[in-house]
N, C-alpha and C. Protein backbone atom coordinates (compact mmCIF):
# COMPACT_ATOMS: atom_id res chain seq x y z
N MET A 1 232.42 -100.52 -6.64
CA MET A 1 231.81 -101.17 -5.49
C MET A 1 232.86 -101.33 -4.40
N SER A 2 232.39 -101.52 -3.21
CA SER A 2 233.30 -101.72 -2.10
C SER A 2 233.50 -103.21 -1.84
N ASP A 3 234.50 -103.51 -1.10
CA ASP A 3 234.80 -104.89 -0.75
C ASP A 3 234.40 -105.14 0.69
N ILE A 4 234.02 -106.38 0.97
CA ILE A 4 233.68 -106.78 2.34
C ILE A 4 234.50 -108.01 2.68
N GLN A 5 234.52 -108.32 3.96
CA GLN A 5 235.26 -109.48 4.42
C GLN A 5 234.27 -110.59 4.76
N CYS A 6 234.56 -111.79 4.31
CA CYS A 6 233.70 -112.94 4.60
C CYS A 6 233.80 -113.27 6.08
N ALA A 7 232.65 -113.48 6.72
CA ALA A 7 232.64 -113.78 8.14
C ALA A 7 233.12 -115.19 8.43
N ASN A 8 233.08 -116.07 7.44
CA ASN A 8 233.46 -117.46 7.66
C ASN A 8 234.95 -117.69 7.43
N CYS A 9 235.45 -117.32 6.25
CA CYS A 9 236.85 -117.62 5.93
C CYS A 9 237.77 -116.41 6.10
N GLY A 10 237.23 -115.21 6.15
CA GLY A 10 238.05 -114.03 6.37
C GLY A 10 238.63 -113.41 5.12
N LYS A 11 238.33 -113.95 3.95
CA LYS A 11 238.86 -113.40 2.71
C LYS A 11 238.06 -112.16 2.30
N ILE A 12 238.70 -111.28 1.57
CA ILE A 12 238.06 -110.07 1.06
C ILE A 12 237.40 -110.40 -0.28
N VAL A 13 236.10 -110.11 -0.36
CA VAL A 13 235.35 -110.37 -1.59
C VAL A 13 234.57 -109.10 -1.95
N SER A 14 234.10 -109.08 -3.17
CA SER A 14 233.34 -107.93 -3.64
C SER A 14 231.98 -107.89 -2.94
N ALA A 15 231.45 -106.71 -2.75
CA ALA A 15 230.18 -106.55 -2.04
C ALA A 15 229.00 -106.99 -2.89
N ARG A 16 229.19 -107.20 -4.19
CA ARG A 16 228.07 -107.60 -5.04
C ARG A 16 227.78 -109.10 -4.96
N PHE A 17 228.68 -109.88 -4.34
CA PHE A 17 228.46 -111.32 -4.21
C PHE A 17 227.50 -111.60 -3.06
N THR A 18 226.68 -112.62 -3.23
CA THR A 18 225.82 -113.09 -2.13
C THR A 18 226.42 -114.33 -1.48
N LEU A 19 227.27 -115.05 -2.21
CA LEU A 19 227.99 -116.21 -1.67
C LEU A 19 229.49 -115.94 -1.78
N CYS A 20 230.24 -116.39 -0.80
CA CYS A 20 231.70 -116.25 -0.83
C CYS A 20 232.26 -117.20 -1.89
N PRO A 21 233.07 -116.71 -2.83
CA PRO A 21 233.61 -117.60 -3.87
C PRO A 21 234.65 -118.57 -3.33
N TYR A 22 235.15 -118.37 -2.13
CA TYR A 22 236.18 -119.24 -1.58
C TYR A 22 235.59 -120.38 -0.74
N CYS A 23 234.66 -120.04 0.17
CA CYS A 23 234.11 -121.06 1.06
C CYS A 23 232.64 -121.38 0.78
N ARG A 24 232.01 -120.68 -0.14
CA ARG A 24 230.62 -120.89 -0.56
C ARG A 24 229.61 -120.68 0.57
N GLU A 25 229.97 -119.89 1.54
CA GLU A 25 229.03 -119.53 2.60
C GLU A 25 228.30 -118.26 2.20
N GLU A 26 227.11 -118.09 2.74
CA GLU A 26 226.31 -116.92 2.43
C GLU A 26 226.88 -115.69 3.14
N LEU A 27 226.97 -114.61 2.41
CA LEU A 27 227.46 -113.34 2.98
C LEU A 27 226.26 -112.58 3.53
N THR A 28 226.00 -112.76 4.80
CA THR A 28 224.81 -112.14 5.39
C THR A 28 225.12 -110.78 5.98
N SER A 29 226.32 -110.60 6.45
CA SER A 29 226.62 -109.32 7.10
C SER A 29 226.95 -108.29 6.03
N ARG A 30 225.99 -107.48 5.71
CA ARG A 30 226.14 -106.45 4.71
C ARG A 30 226.12 -105.08 5.34
N THR A 31 226.69 -104.96 6.49
CA THR A 31 226.72 -103.68 7.17
C THR A 31 227.69 -102.75 6.45
N VAL A 32 227.19 -101.61 6.05
CA VAL A 32 228.01 -100.62 5.37
C VAL A 32 228.21 -99.46 6.34
N PHE A 33 229.45 -99.18 6.63
CA PHE A 33 229.78 -98.09 7.53
C PHE A 33 230.08 -96.86 6.69
N ARG A 34 229.34 -95.81 6.95
CA ARG A 34 229.56 -94.56 6.23
C ARG A 34 230.43 -93.67 7.08
N GLN A 35 231.45 -93.14 6.48
CA GLN A 35 232.30 -92.20 7.17
C GLN A 35 231.70 -90.82 7.02
N ARG A 36 231.80 -90.06 8.09
CA ARG A 36 231.35 -88.68 8.02
C ARG A 36 232.34 -87.87 7.21
N PRO A 37 231.87 -86.95 6.42
CA PRO A 37 232.80 -86.13 5.66
C PRO A 37 233.63 -85.27 6.61
N PRO A 38 234.83 -84.92 6.19
CA PRO A 38 235.64 -84.09 7.07
C PRO A 38 234.96 -82.76 7.34
N GLY A 39 234.93 -82.40 8.55
CA GLY A 39 234.25 -81.16 8.94
C GLY A 39 233.68 -81.33 10.31
N GLY A 40 232.82 -80.43 10.68
CA GLY A 40 232.16 -80.54 11.96
C GLY A 40 233.00 -79.99 13.09
N ALA A 41 232.93 -80.66 14.22
CA ALA A 41 233.53 -80.15 15.44
C ALA A 41 235.05 -80.10 15.37
N GLU A 42 235.69 -81.14 14.76
CA GLU A 42 237.14 -81.14 14.74
C GLU A 42 237.70 -80.04 13.84
N VAL A 43 237.02 -79.75 12.73
CA VAL A 43 237.47 -78.65 11.88
C VAL A 43 237.21 -77.32 12.56
N GLY A 44 236.07 -77.21 13.24
CA GLY A 44 235.77 -75.98 13.97
C GLY A 44 236.79 -75.70 15.05
N ALA A 45 237.19 -76.74 15.78
CA ALA A 45 238.20 -76.55 16.82
C ALA A 45 239.54 -76.16 16.22
N ARG A 46 239.87 -76.73 15.06
CA ARG A 46 241.12 -76.36 14.40
C ARG A 46 241.11 -74.90 13.97
N TRP A 47 239.95 -74.43 13.46
CA TRP A 47 239.84 -73.03 13.06
C TRP A 47 239.91 -72.10 14.27
N ILE A 48 239.35 -72.50 15.38
CA ILE A 48 239.42 -71.68 16.60
C ILE A 48 240.87 -71.55 17.03
N ARG A 49 241.60 -72.66 17.08
CA ARG A 49 243.01 -72.61 17.49
C ARG A 49 243.83 -71.76 16.54
N ARG A 50 243.61 -71.92 15.24
CA ARG A 50 244.36 -71.14 14.26
C ARG A 50 244.05 -69.65 14.38
N GLY A 51 242.78 -69.32 14.58
CA GLY A 51 242.41 -67.92 14.74
C GLY A 51 243.02 -67.30 15.99
N LEU A 52 243.02 -68.05 17.10
CA LEU A 52 243.63 -67.53 18.32
C LEU A 52 245.14 -67.37 18.17
N LEU A 53 245.75 -68.28 17.42
CA LEU A 53 247.18 -68.15 17.17
C LEU A 53 247.49 -66.91 16.34
N TYR A 54 246.69 -66.64 15.31
CA TYR A 54 246.89 -65.43 14.50
C TYR A 54 246.69 -64.18 15.35
N MET A 55 245.70 -64.19 16.21
CA MET A 55 245.46 -63.04 17.08
C MET A 55 246.63 -62.83 18.04
N LEU A 56 247.16 -63.91 18.59
CA LEU A 56 248.31 -63.81 19.50
C LEU A 56 249.53 -63.30 18.75
N LEU A 57 249.76 -63.80 17.54
CA LEU A 57 250.89 -63.35 16.74
C LEU A 57 250.78 -61.87 16.42
N ALA A 58 249.60 -61.42 16.04
CA ALA A 58 249.41 -60.01 15.72
C ALA A 58 249.57 -59.14 16.97
N GLY A 59 249.04 -59.59 18.09
CA GLY A 59 249.15 -58.80 19.32
C GLY A 59 250.58 -58.65 19.81
N ILE A 60 251.32 -59.75 19.81
CA ILE A 60 252.72 -59.68 20.26
C ILE A 60 253.55 -58.87 19.28
N SER A 61 253.32 -59.05 17.98
CA SER A 61 254.07 -58.27 16.99
C SER A 61 253.77 -56.79 17.11
N TYR A 62 252.51 -56.44 17.30
CA TYR A 62 252.15 -55.03 17.45
C TYR A 62 252.77 -54.44 18.71
N TYR A 63 252.78 -55.22 19.78
CA TYR A 63 253.34 -54.75 21.05
C TYR A 63 254.84 -54.51 20.92
N LEU A 64 255.55 -55.45 20.28
CA LEU A 64 257.01 -55.32 20.19
C LEU A 64 257.45 -54.36 19.10
N LEU A 65 256.80 -54.40 17.92
CA LEU A 65 257.24 -53.57 16.81
C LEU A 65 256.69 -52.15 16.88
N GLY A 66 255.61 -51.95 17.60
CA GLY A 66 255.00 -50.63 17.68
C GLY A 66 255.66 -49.70 18.69
N GLY A 67 256.62 -50.20 19.44
CA GLY A 67 257.31 -49.36 20.41
C GLY A 67 256.60 -49.28 21.74
N HIS A 68 255.69 -50.19 22.03
CA HIS A 68 254.96 -50.15 23.29
C HIS A 68 255.64 -50.95 24.38
N SER A 69 256.69 -51.68 24.03
CA SER A 69 257.38 -52.52 24.99
C SER A 69 258.33 -51.68 25.85
N PRO A 70 258.42 -51.98 27.15
CA PRO A 70 259.39 -51.25 27.98
C PRO A 70 260.83 -51.63 27.64
N LEU A 71 261.03 -52.78 27.05
CA LEU A 71 262.36 -53.20 26.63
C LEU A 71 262.57 -52.76 25.18
N PRO A 72 263.67 -52.07 24.92
CA PRO A 72 263.91 -51.66 23.52
C PRO A 72 264.27 -52.88 22.67
N LEU A 73 263.56 -53.01 21.55
CA LEU A 73 263.80 -54.11 20.64
C LEU A 73 264.63 -53.60 19.47
N ALA A 74 265.86 -54.08 19.37
CA ALA A 74 266.76 -53.64 18.30
C ALA A 74 266.67 -54.62 17.14
N ILE A 75 266.02 -54.17 16.06
CA ILE A 75 265.89 -54.99 14.86
C ILE A 75 266.86 -54.44 13.83
N PRO A 76 267.61 -55.30 13.14
CA PRO A 76 268.62 -54.80 12.20
C PRO A 76 268.07 -54.22 10.91
N PHE A 77 266.77 -54.15 10.75
CA PHE A 77 266.18 -53.56 9.55
C PHE A 77 264.97 -52.74 9.97
N GLU A 78 264.56 -51.85 9.07
CA GLU A 78 263.45 -50.94 9.35
C GLU A 78 262.12 -51.61 9.02
N ILE A 79 261.16 -51.50 9.93
CA ILE A 79 259.80 -52.00 9.71
C ILE A 79 258.97 -50.85 9.15
N PRO A 80 258.36 -51.01 7.98
CA PRO A 80 257.53 -49.92 7.43
C PRO A 80 256.33 -49.64 8.33
N ASP A 81 255.88 -48.41 8.31
CA ASP A 81 254.75 -48.02 9.14
C ASP A 81 253.46 -48.71 8.73
N TRP A 82 253.28 -49.02 7.44
CA TRP A 82 252.04 -49.65 6.99
C TRP A 82 251.89 -51.06 7.58
N VAL A 83 253.01 -51.71 7.90
CA VAL A 83 252.93 -53.03 8.52
C VAL A 83 252.33 -52.91 9.92
N ILE A 84 252.80 -51.93 10.66
CA ILE A 84 252.33 -51.76 12.04
C ILE A 84 250.91 -51.19 12.07
N ASN A 85 250.62 -50.25 11.18
CA ASN A 85 249.33 -49.57 11.22
C ASN A 85 248.20 -50.32 10.51
N TYR A 86 248.52 -51.12 9.49
CA TYR A 86 247.47 -51.75 8.70
C TYR A 86 247.54 -53.28 8.71
N ALA A 87 248.72 -53.84 8.47
CA ALA A 87 248.82 -55.29 8.29
C ALA A 87 248.56 -56.04 9.60
N LEU A 88 249.14 -55.58 10.69
CA LEU A 88 248.95 -56.29 11.96
C LEU A 88 247.51 -56.20 12.48
N PRO A 89 246.82 -55.05 12.39
CA PRO A 89 245.40 -55.07 12.77
C PRO A 89 244.54 -55.96 11.87
N PHE A 90 244.86 -56.02 10.56
CA PHE A 90 244.12 -56.91 9.69
C PHE A 90 244.39 -58.38 10.03
N LEU A 91 245.63 -58.68 10.43
CA LEU A 91 245.95 -60.04 10.86
C LEU A 91 245.17 -60.39 12.13
N PHE A 92 245.06 -59.44 13.04
CA PHE A 92 244.29 -59.66 14.27
C PHE A 92 242.81 -59.87 13.94
N LEU A 93 242.25 -59.02 13.08
CA LEU A 93 240.83 -59.17 12.73
C LEU A 93 240.57 -60.44 11.93
N GLY A 94 241.51 -60.84 11.09
CA GLY A 94 241.37 -62.11 10.38
C GLY A 94 241.37 -63.30 11.33
N GLY A 95 242.25 -63.25 12.34
CA GLY A 95 242.26 -64.30 13.35
C GLY A 95 240.99 -64.32 14.16
N LEU A 96 240.45 -63.13 14.46
CA LEU A 96 239.17 -63.05 15.18
C LEU A 96 238.05 -63.65 14.33
N GLY A 97 238.06 -63.36 13.04
CA GLY A 97 237.05 -63.93 12.15
C GLY A 97 237.15 -65.45 12.07
N LEU A 98 238.38 -65.97 11.98
CA LEU A 98 238.56 -67.42 11.98
C LEU A 98 238.06 -68.05 13.26
N ALA A 99 238.34 -67.43 14.39
CA ALA A 99 237.90 -67.97 15.67
C ALA A 99 236.38 -67.96 15.77
N VAL A 100 235.74 -66.91 15.29
CA VAL A 100 234.27 -66.83 15.36
C VAL A 100 233.64 -67.87 14.46
N VAL A 101 234.13 -68.01 13.22
CA VAL A 101 233.59 -69.01 12.31
C VAL A 101 233.85 -70.42 12.84
N GLY A 102 235.03 -70.64 13.41
CA GLY A 102 235.31 -71.94 14.01
C GLY A 102 234.40 -72.24 15.18
N PHE A 103 234.09 -71.23 15.99
CA PHE A 103 233.17 -71.44 17.10
C PHE A 103 231.77 -71.77 16.60
N ILE A 104 231.35 -71.11 15.52
CA ILE A 104 230.03 -71.41 14.95
C ILE A 104 230.00 -72.83 14.40
N ARG A 105 231.04 -73.22 13.65
CA ARG A 105 231.09 -74.58 13.11
C ARG A 105 231.17 -75.62 14.21
N HIS A 106 231.90 -75.31 15.28
CA HIS A 106 232.04 -76.24 16.40
C HIS A 106 230.74 -76.41 17.14
N SER A 107 229.96 -75.33 17.28
CA SER A 107 228.72 -75.41 18.03
C SER A 107 227.60 -76.06 17.20
N ILE A 108 227.65 -75.95 15.88
CA ILE A 108 226.61 -76.54 15.03
C ILE A 108 226.81 -78.05 14.94
N ALA A 109 228.06 -78.49 14.77
CA ALA A 109 228.32 -79.93 14.54
C ALA A 109 228.23 -80.74 15.80
């Protein structure tokens, strides 16, 4: 059971009592506040931001590592071709999917 606060003396008592055991006043205020489960618009907005961040990370990485940049990027190790050709586009598409699902969750809630 949950606990409530007595309106008269301010002590915390069990919700199953009808009288306060401390001041013997009737506990009339039985308002129960229900919290919404985590989700809805705030989770949708978080997924949108995370998806856009993944898309930005994949786009910048593809631009710099793929040799499309006008500035030569000297990396002290070799980047395998499968990272540039497969992993970064999948990261971009995964971020796009997160953003779309987040937008749907944000618009429904």
